[in-house]
Each structure stands twice: as C-alpha cells, then as structure tokens.
C-alpha atoms as a PDB file:
ATOM      1  CA  MET A   1     119.131  92.111  76.293  1.00  0.00           C
ATOM      2  CA  PRO A   2     118.445  95.852  76.536  1.00  0.00           C
ATOM      3  CA  GLY A   3     117.908  97.569  73.189  1.00  0.00           C
ATOM      4  CA  LEU A   4     116.752  94.442  71.355  1.00  0.00           C
ATOM      5  CA  PRO A   5     113.169  94.087  70.063  1.00  0.00           C
ATOM      6  CA  PRO A   6     110.888  91.530  71.729  1.00  0.00           C
ATOM      7  CA  THR A   7     111.246  87.938  70.582  1.00  0.00           C
ATOM      8  CA  GLY A   8     109.431  87.274  67.299  1.00  0.00           C
ATOM      9  CA  SER A   9     108.959  90.942  66.350  1.00  0.00           C
ATOM     10  CA  LEU A  10     110.106  92.323  63.015  1.00  0.00           C
ATOM     11  CA  ALA A  11     112.645  95.147  62.973  1.00  0.00           C
ATOM     12  CA  LEU A  12     111.964  97.616  60.152  1.00  0.00           C
ATOM     13  CA  SER A  13     114.432 100.092  58.689  1.00  0.00           C
ATOM     14  CA  GLY A  14     113.383 103.611  57.710  1.00  0.00           C
ATOM     15  CA  GLN A  15     113.127 102.558  54.072  1.00  0.00           C
ATOM     16  CA  GLU A  16     110.880  99.633  54.976  1.00  0.00           C
ATOM     17  CA  VAL A  17     108.647 101.834  57.146  1.00  0.00           C
ATOM     18  CA  VAL A  18     108.125 104.291  54.291  1.00  0.00           C
ATOM     19  CA  LEU A  19     107.039 101.413  52.045  1.00  0.00           C
ATOM     20  CA  GLU A  20     104.326 100.379  54.504  1.00  0.00           C
ATOM     21  CA  PRO A  21     100.734 101.547  53.800  1.00  0.00           C
ATOM     22  CA  LEU A  22      98.861 103.251  56.616  1.00  0.00           C
ATOM     23  CA  PRO A  23      96.650 101.007  58.764  1.00  0.00           C
ATOM     24  CA  ASP A  24      92.908 101.353  58.369  1.00  0.00           C
ATOM     25  CA  LEU A  25      91.415 104.050  60.552  1.00  0.00           C
ATOM     26  CA  ASP A  26      89.469 102.575  63.470  1.00  0.00           C
ATOM     27  CA  ILE A  27      86.158 104.448  63.213  1.00  0.00           C
ATOM     28  CA  GLY A  28      83.728 104.132  66.091  1.00  0.00           C
ATOM     29  CA  PRO A  29      80.044 103.163  65.872  1.00  0.00           C
ATOM     30  CA  GLU A  30      79.094 106.803  66.473  1.00  0.00           C
ATOM     31  CA  THR A  31      80.675 109.753  64.666  1.00  0.00           C
ATOM     32  CA  THR A  32      80.163 113.424  63.946  1.00  0.00           C
ATOM     33  CA  THR A  33      78.026 114.144  60.877  1.00  0.00           C
ATOM     34  CA  SER A  34      78.508 117.844  60.118  1.00  0.00           C
ATOM     35  CA  SER A  35      80.776 119.232  57.421  1.00  0.00           C
ATOM     36  CA  ALA A  36      83.929 121.097  58.478  1.00  0.00           C
ATOM     37  CA  ARG A  37      84.452 122.777  55.114  1.00  0.00           C
ATOM     38  CA  HIS A  38      85.107 126.504  55.281  1.00  0.00           C
ATOM     39  CA  ASN A  39      83.196 128.992  53.128  1.00  0.00           C
ATOM     40  CA  LEU A  40      86.244 129.800  51.044  1.00  0.00           C
ATOM     41  CA  HIS A  41      86.644 129.486  47.291  1.00  0.00           C
ATOM     42  CA  PHE A  42      89.969 129.049  45.527  1.00  0.00           C
ATOM     43  CA  ALA A  43      89.812 131.551  42.658  1.00  0.00           C
ATOM     44  CA  GLY A  44      93.290 131.035  41.253  1.00  0.00           C
ATOM     45  CA  LYS A  45      94.534 128.631  38.606  1.00  0.00           C
ATOM     46  CA  LEU A  46      94.737 124.899  39.313  1.00  0.00           C
ATOM     47  CA  ARG A  47      96.994 122.497  37.474  1.00  0.00           C
ATOM     48  CA  LEU A  48      97.647 118.786  37.962  1.00  0.00           C
ATOM     49  CA  TRP A  49     101.005 117.993  39.574  1.00  0.00           C
ATOM     50  CA  SER A  50     101.352 115.216  37.031  1.00  0.00           C
ATOM     51  CA  ASN A  51     104.868 114.041  37.876  1.00  0.00           C
ATOM     52  CA  PHE A  52     104.422 114.005  41.663  1.00  0.00           C
ATOM     53  CA  VAL A  53     104.171 110.243  42.195  1.00  0.00           C
ATOM     54  CA  ILE A  54     106.985 109.403  39.761  1.00  0.00           C
ATOM     55  CA  ASP A  55     109.219 112.008  41.398  1.00  0.00           C
ATOM     56  CA  ALA A  56     108.362 110.579  44.837  1.00  0.00           C
ATOM     57  CA  LEU A  57     109.341 107.115  43.610  1.00  0.00           C
ATOM     58  CA  ASN A  58     112.597 108.417  42.126  1.00  0.00           C
ATOM     59  CA  HIS A  59     113.416 110.250  45.347  1.00  0.00           C
ATOM     60  CA  HIS A  60     112.861 107.045  47.295  1.00  0.00           C
ATOM     61  CA  ALA A  61     115.147 105.124  44.914  1.00  0.00           C
ATOM     62  CA  ILE A  62     118.117 107.532  45.154  1.00  0.00           C
ATOM     63  CA  TYR A  63     117.849 108.436  48.844  1.00  0.00           C
ATOM     64  CA  GLN A  64     120.754 107.190  50.971  1.00  0.00           C
ATOM     65  CA  TRP A  65     118.881 105.076  53.486  1.00  0.00           C
ATOM     66  CA  SER A  66     120.333 103.882  56.762  1.00  0.00           C
ATOM     67  CA  SER A  67     120.064 100.127  57.205  1.00  0.00           C
ATOM     68  CA  GLY A  68     119.483 100.252  60.956  1.00  0.00           C
ATOM     69  CA  PRO A  69     116.039  99.473  62.438  1.00  0.00           C
ATOM     70  CA  VAL A  70     113.806 102.353  63.510  1.00  0.00           C
ATOM     71  CA  ILE A  71     110.672 100.534  64.709  1.00  0.00           C
ATOM     72  CA  THR A  72     109.498  97.021  65.440  1.00  0.00           C
ATOM     73  CA  LYS A  73     106.363  95.335  64.174  1.00  0.00           C
ATOM     74  CA  ASP A  74     104.523  92.282  65.462  1.00  0.00           C
ATOM     75  CA  PRO A  75     104.683  89.285  63.107  1.00  0.00           C
ATOM     76  CA  ALA A  76     101.556  88.008  61.348  1.00  0.00           C
ATOM     77  CA  PRO A  77      99.003  86.812  62.227  1.00  0.00           C
ATOM     78  CA  LEU A  78      98.309  89.767  64.507  1.00  0.00           C
ATOM     79  CA  VAL A  79      96.424  89.175  67.741  1.00  0.00           C
ATOM     80  CA  PRO A  80      93.602  91.664  68.534  1.00  0.00           C
ATOM     81  CA  HIS A  81      95.566  93.571  71.198  1.00  0.00           C
ATOM     82  CA  SER A  82      98.695  93.967  69.024  1.00  0.00           C
ATOM     83  CA  LEU A  83      99.974  97.548  68.765  1.00  0.00           C
ATOM     84  CA  SER A  84     100.571  96.870  65.070  1.00  0.00           C
ATOM     85  CA  HIS A  85      96.780  97.215  64.803  1.00  0.00           C
ATOM     86  CA  GLU A  86      95.090 100.605  65.159  1.00  0.00           C
ATOM     87  CA  GLN A  87      94.037 100.732  68.812  1.00  0.00           C
ATOM     88  CA  VAL A  88      92.670 104.297  68.903  1.00  0.00           C
ATOM     89  CA  THR A  89      88.999 104.550  67.923  1.00  0.00           C
ATOM     90  CA  VAL A  90      88.001 107.899  66.416  1.00  0.00           C
ATOM     91  CA  GLY A  91      84.665 109.628  65.886  1.00  0.00           C
ATOM     92  CA  ASP A  92      85.468 113.292  65.236  1.00  0.00           C
ATOM     93  CA  GLU A  93      88.017 115.541  63.542  1.00  0.00           C
ATOM     94  CA  ASN A  94      90.193 115.790  66.651  1.00  0.00           C
ATOM     95  CA  GLY A  95      90.597 112.019  66.646  1.00  0.00           C
ATOM     96  CA  ALA A  96      91.559 111.937  62.971  1.00  0.00           C
ATOM     97  CA  GLN A  97      94.009 114.790  63.533  1.00  0.00           C
ATOM     98  CA  GLY A  98      95.644 112.882  66.351  1.00  0.00           C
ATOM     99  CA  ARG A  99      96.487 109.960  64.092  1.00  0.00           C
ATOM    100  CA  PHE A 100      98.522 112.360  61.939  1.00  0.00           C
ATOM    101  CA  ASN A 101      99.987 114.739  64.476  1.00  0.00           C
ATOM    102  CA  GLN A 102     101.651 111.926  66.407  1.00  0.00           C
ATOM    103  CA  LEU A 103     104.011 111.751  63.405  1.00  0.00           C
ATOM    104  CA  PHE A 104     104.165 115.398  62.327  1.00  0.00           C
ATOM    105  CA  GLY A 105     103.399 118.366  64.541  1.00  0.00           C
ATOM    106  CA  ASP A 106     100.856 121.061  65.235  1.00  0.00           C
ATOM    107  CA  TYR A 107     101.080 124.696  64.207  1.00  0.00           C
ATOM    108  CA  LYS A 108     101.790 126.004  67.699  1.00  0.00           C
ATOM    109  CA  SER A 109     104.899 123.808  67.879  1.00  0.00           C
ATOM    110  CA  CYS A 110     106.556 125.700  65.004  1.00  0.00           C
ATOM    111  CA  VAL A 111     109.101 128.385  65.840  1.00  0.00           C
ATOM    112  CA  ILE A 112     107.911 130.755  63.097  1.00  0.00           C
ATOM    113  CA  GLN A 113     104.227 131.659  63.355  1.00  0.00           C
ATOM    114  CA  LYS A 114     102.553 134.135  61.036  1.00  0.00           C
ATOM    115  CA  SER A 115      99.716 136.275  62.334  1.00  0.00           C
ATOM    116  CA  THR A 116      96.432 134.555  61.529  1.00  0.00           C
ATOM    117  CA  ARG A 117      93.143 134.152  63.384  1.00  0.00           C
ATOM    118  CA  LYS A 118      92.849 130.589  62.120  1.00  0.00           C
ATOM    119  CA  THR A 119      95.071 127.697  63.113  1.00  0.00           C
ATOM    120  CA  PRO A 120      96.018 124.969  60.610  1.00  0.00           C
ATOM    121  CA  ASP A 121      95.370 121.390  61.679  1.00  0.00           C
ATOM    122  CA  THR A 122      98.845 119.998  61.112  1.00  0.00           C
ATOM    123  CA  MET A 123     102.355 120.853  59.975  1.00  0.00           C
ATOM    124  CA  ILE A 124     105.352 119.005  58.629  1.00  0.00           C
ATOM    125  CA  ARG A 125     108.264 120.523  60.525  1.00  0.00           C
ATOM    126  CA  THR A 126     111.890 119.946  61.354  1.00  0.00           C
ATOM    127  CA  THR A 127     112.894 118.729  64.807  1.00  0.00           C
ATOM    128  CA  GLY A 128     113.879 122.354  65.502  1.00  0.00           C
ATOM    129  CA  GLY A 129     110.348 123.553  64.673  1.00  0.00           C
ATOM    130  CA  HIS A 130     110.924 125.076  61.229  1.00  0.00           C
ATOM    131  CA  PRO A 131     107.761 124.579  59.107  1.00  0.00           C
ATOM    132  CA  LEU A 132     108.144 122.649  55.842  1.00  0.00           C
ATOM    133  CA  ALA A 133     104.513 122.203  54.764  1.00  0.00           C
ATOM    134  CA  VAL A 134     101.045 123.000  56.086  1.00  0.00           C
ATOM    135  CA  GLY A 135      98.188 120.526  56.230  1.00  0.00           C
ATOM    136  CA  GLU A 136      94.436 120.327  56.654  1.00  0.00           C
ATOM    137  CA  ILE A 137      92.655 117.240  58.009  1.00  0.00           C
ATOM    138  CA  LYS A 138      88.996 116.348  57.479  1.00  0.00           C
ATOM    139  CA  THR A 139      87.037 113.296  58.578  1.00  0.00           C
ATOM    140  CA  PRO A 140      86.565 110.603  55.906  1.00  0.00           C
ATOM    141  CA  TRP A 141      82.962 109.689  56.758  1.00  0.00           C
ATOM    142  CA  VAL A 142      81.399 113.058  55.807  1.00  0.00           C
ATOM    143  CA  ASP A 143      80.458 113.102  52.098  1.00  0.00           C
ATOM    144  CA  GLU A 144      81.128 116.834  51.719  1.00  0.00           C
ATOM    145  CA  HIS A 145      84.784 116.223  52.564  1.00  0.00           C
ATOM    146  CA  SER A 146      85.347 114.215  49.371  1.00  0.00           C
ATOM    147  CA  PHE A 147      88.035 115.673  47.134  1.00  0.00           C
ATOM    148  CA  SER A 148      85.708 115.762  44.142  1.00  0.00           C
ATOM    149  CA  LEU A 149      83.700 118.398  46.053  1.00  0.00           C
ATOM    150  CA  ALA A 150      86.655 120.069  47.773  1.00  0.00           C
ATOM    151  CA  MET A 151      88.937 120.804  44.819  1.00  0.00           C
ATOM    152  CA  ARG A 152      87.988 124.476  44.787  1.00  0.00           C
ATOM    153  CA  ASN A 153      87.756 124.870  48.561  1.00  0.00           C
ATOM    154  CA  GLY A 154      90.203 127.639  49.405  1.00  0.00           C
ATOM    155  CA  GLN A 155      91.214 126.718  52.947  1.00  0.00           C
ATOM    156  CA  ILE A 156      94.550 125.056  52.183  1.00  0.00           C
ATOM    157  CA  ALA A 157      95.460 127.738  49.601  1.00  0.00           C
ATOM    158  CA  MET A 158      94.694 130.419  52.194  1.00  0.00           C
ATOM    159  CA  TYR A 159      97.078 128.820  54.687  1.00  0.00           C
ATOM    160  CA  MET A 160      99.801 128.531  52.048  1.00  0.00           C
ATOM    161  CA  GLU A 161      99.491 132.228  51.224  1.00  0.00           C
ATOM    162  CA  ILE A 162      99.318 133.481  54.823  1.00  0.00           C
ATOM    163  CA  LEU A 163     102.156 131.274  56.073  1.00  0.00           C
ATOM    164  CA  GLU A 164     104.202 131.822  52.889  1.00  0.00           C
ATOM    165  CA  LEU A 165     104.728 128.085  52.409  1.00  0.00           C
ATOM    166  CA  LYS A 166     105.357 126.474  49.050  1.00  0.00           C
ATOM    167  CA  TYR A 167     103.989 123.028  49.956  1.00  0.00           C
ATOM    168  CA  ALA A 168     100.824 121.701  51.564  1.00  0.00           C
ATOM    169  CA  TYR A 169      98.618 118.644  51.916  1.00  0.00           C
ATOM    170  CA  MET A 170      94.957 117.920  52.546  1.00  0.00           C
ATOM    171  CA  THR A 171      93.840 114.603  53.938  1.00  0.00           C
ATOM    172  CA  THR A 172      90.857 112.661  55.202  1.00  0.00           C
ATOM    173  CA  TYR A 173      93.313 109.974  56.372  1.00  0.00           C
ATOM    174  CA  ASN A 174      91.801 107.582  53.818  1.00  0.00           C
ATOM    175  CA  GLU A 175      92.702 109.931  50.956  1.00  0.00           C
ATOM    176  CA  THR A 176      95.417 112.568  50.633  1.00  0.00           C
ATOM    177  CA  MET A 177      96.305 115.231  48.076  1.00  0.00           C
ATOM    178  CA  PHE A 178      99.529 117.229  47.921  1.00  0.00           C
ATOM    179  CA  PHE A 179      99.914 120.828  46.751  1.00  0.00           C
ATOM    180  CA  CYS A 180     102.657 123.117  45.486  1.00  0.00           C
ATOM    181  CA  GLN A 181     102.727 126.808  44.627  1.00  0.00           C
ATOM    182  CA  GLU A 182     104.510 127.482  41.346  1.00  0.00           C
ATOM    183  CA  ASP A 183     105.053 130.791  39.568  1.00  0.00           C
ATOM    184  CA  ILE A 184     104.470 130.979  35.822  1.00  0.00           C
ATOM    185  CA  VAL A 185     105.043 134.317  34.073  1.00  0.00           C
ATOM    186  CA  GLY A 186     104.819 136.189  37.364  1.00  0.00           C
ATOM    187  CA  GLN A 187     101.583 134.546  38.498  1.00  0.00           C
ATOM    188  CA  THR A 188     101.220 131.814  41.105  1.00  0.00           C
ATOM    189  CA  ILE A 189      99.300 128.674  40.183  1.00  0.00           C
ATOM    190  CA  LEU A 190      98.405 125.814  42.518  1.00  0.00           C
ATOM    191  CA  LEU A 191      99.600 122.351  41.570  1.00  0.00           C
ATOM    192  CA  TYR A 192      97.651 119.408  42.979  1.00  0.00           C
ATOM    193  CA  SER A 193      98.574 115.731  42.978  1.00  0.00           C
ATOM    194  CA  ASP A 194      96.394 112.761  42.224  1.00  0.00           C
ATOM    195  CA  VAL A 195      94.558 111.375  45.253  1.00  0.00           C
ATOM    196  CA  ILE A 196      96.731 108.920  47.190  1.00  0.00           C
ATOM    197  CA  ARG A 197      94.876 106.363  49.295  1.00  0.00           C
ATOM    198  CA  HIS A 198      96.080 105.384  52.751  1.00  0.00           C
ATOM    199  CA  ASP A 199      96.374 101.742  51.647  1.00  0.00           C
ATOM    200  CA  SER A 200      98.131 102.476  48.354  1.00  0.00           C
ATOM    201  CA  ALA A 201     100.864  99.908  47.717  1.00  0.00           C
ATOM    202  CA  TYR A 202     104.370 100.528  46.437  1.00  0.00           C
ATOM    203  CA  VAL A 203     104.736  99.334  42.853  1.00  0.00           C
ATOM    204  CA  PRO A 204     108.067 100.421  41.284  1.00  0.00           C
ATOM    205  CA  GLY A 205     107.458 102.871  38.461  1.00  0.00           C
ATOM    206  CA  LEU A 206     103.686 102.901  38.989  1.00  0.00           C
ATOM    207  CA  SER A 207     102.423 103.734  42.471  1.00  0.00           C
ATOM    208  CA  ALA A 208     103.707 104.984  45.812  1.00  0.00           C
ATOM    209  CA  THR A 209     102.568 104.617  49.391  1.00  0.00           C
ATOM    210  CA  VAL A 210     101.227 107.719  51.095  1.00  0.00           C
ATOM    211  CA  ARG A 211     104.262 107.541  53.402  1.00  0.00           C
ATOM    212  CA  GLN A 212     106.577 107.792  50.384  1.00  0.00           C
ATOM    213  CA  CYS A 213     104.628 110.828  49.214  1.00  0.00           C
ATOM    214  CA  PHE A 214     104.855 112.550  52.590  1.00  0.00           C
ATOM    215  CA  PHE A 215     108.565 111.751  52.789  1.00  0.00           C
ATOM    216  CA  TYR A 216     109.091 113.327  49.371  1.00  0.00           C
ATOM    217  CA  LEU A 217     107.029 116.413  50.259  1.00  0.00           C
ATOM    218  CA  ALA A 218     109.099 116.883  53.427  1.00  0.00           C
ATOM    219  CA  ALA A 219     112.300 116.608  51.370  1.00  0.00           C
ATOM    220  CA  LEU A 220     111.015 119.275  48.968  1.00  0.00           C
ATOM    221  CA  GLY A 221     110.106 121.522  51.882  1.00  0.00           C
ATOM    222  CA  ALA A 222     113.554 121.037  53.405  1.00  0.00           C
ATOM    223  CA  GLU A 223     115.071 122.358  50.169  1.00  0.00           C
ATOM    224  CA  THR A 224     112.721 125.330  49.702  1.00  0.00           C
ATOM    225  CA  SER A 225     109.810 125.823  52.079  1.00  0.00           C
ATOM    226  CA  SER A 226     108.985 129.531  51.665  1.00  0.00           C
ATOM    227  CA  HIS A 227     107.017 131.111  48.839  1.00  0.00           C
ATOM    228  CA  THR A 228     105.299 134.456  48.353  1.00  0.00           C
ATOM    229  CA  THR A 229     102.006 134.117  46.505  1.00  0.00           C
ATOM    230  CA  SER A 230     101.469 136.329  43.436  1.00  0.00           C
ATOM    231  CA  PRO A 231      97.741 135.975  42.706  1.00  0.00           C
ATOM    232  CA  SER A 232      96.021 136.899  39.471  1.00  0.00           C
ATOM    233  CA  ARG A 233      94.951 140.545  39.414  1.00  0.00           C
ATOM    234  CA  THR A 234      91.639 139.583  37.844  1.00  0.00           C
ATOM    235  CA  THR A 235      90.578 136.557  39.906  1.00  0.00           C
ATOM    236  CA  GLY A 236      92.586 136.869  43.107  1.00  0.00           C
ATOM    237  CA  TRP A 237      93.654 133.827  45.160  1.00  0.00           C
ATOM    238  CA  VAL A 238      90.981 132.965  47.751  1.00  0.00           C
ATOM    239  CA  THR A 239      87.511 134.531  48.070  1.00  0.00           C
ATOM    240  CA  SER A 240      84.784 134.174  50.680  1.00  0.00           C
ATOM    241  CA  ILE A 241      81.512 132.415  49.891  1.00  0.00           C
ATOM    242  CA  ALA A 242      78.334 133.832  51.369  1.00  0.00           C
ATOM    243  CA  ASP A 243      76.420 131.447  53.636  1.00  0.00           C
END
C-alpha cells in the first residue's frame, strides 16, 4: 500500500530518531593527512557551559513530540547493503561535511549572509533559510583537530562574531562541542559544552545523544539566534597567529 514502510522495517517517530546515536563514520583506506586548523587564536574568556547536557535532556522531556513516524529503519541484524548502515565512504573534509550538511544546510543556502571572505562549513537553519547556529567541521583522523588542541582556536568564535550568531558548534563527526555567546557585565564570554561523542547513548538524567544536543541548540537558536559580540578591550576576541 502506498505510504507504508517496507515489510519488516521499523517506523521511528521524531522523538525516537533524536534518541538514536549517529552511525560510525565510514572512513576509507586512504585519507587526507594535513591539518585544516586556521591560524587564529581565541583571546577572549572561555567558560564551561556546565548545564548544557542537563538542559538538553530537560528540553527533550518537555517537548511536545508528534507520535507519527518520520523515517524507517531496517530491523536487526542489518545486511551489508542496508541503508541503515553508513554507505558513503569518506577520506577528506568535504566527505565529512557532506554527512552533516545532508541534515542541516550550507552557508550559501541562508537568506541572510554577512560580508565575509571566509565561508563556514555548515549552518543550522530554518526551512525558510534563517540561520540559527554556525558550525565548523574537521576530519576526525587528523590529530591536530582534537578538541584538547583546538580549544583556543578562534575560527568558530570569528564566525559567531562576524555573523552575529549566539550559538555555534564544532565537530569532527566523532566528537562535537557546542558554543554560546553570553554577556557578563558588558563583556562577551564564550561558553563551551563538554565533548559529546557521536555514539553517546541517552541515559535519563546523565547523558544525551548528539542528536538531542543538536535539537536543543536549534531550539535555542529559534528563540534567540542573533548576538552582537562585545569583546574585552584588553584582550580582544580573535587574533591572528603568525605562521
């Protein structure tokens, strides 16, 4: 019958989809090896967004979910050609970006574009093209892309300032961090979340899936997406690093 999922497939509601971890990235036998980090230093104040995961869990709990199915999923055990497996093999940043932008959008698809010579990798946007959050995607197999080394990299903060967006995210697909600009006594600080892994499981009151976190960030952006950065007069916001 038209409109019904194939026999044996599982119909998932929006709430069930958000509770699903991301599939493992299918990385090819050959990959790029160079770092894509920009020579930018975040000179402002950083502070842990300590309540981010709990707030994401609470948002998930109180959201008025529709019970209707939104996607179908093959039942276990999955056969090798199942589309419930990752079937796109990646080996460079463009490939990793594609796994995200099939769900979000790219910068050029947004109706409001600020003047900048650089183009962000990805955007969370409304169906009408209004930007809600800006994102940066790096490959997970390059050591210099690890978040322990990238905490002070100023690329995502630069995009937030230029595009006047309150929320942002940085991801290697395997790991994701979320960011928020917040003003304290007239000065903007950058809040950062704990690292959320792509395979993080939903545990009520303890941990969220990365999908839950993205859903929460989009909801925050839908409430208030714009923000004008007020950097410290002594340190500034983002500075260039000499090669």
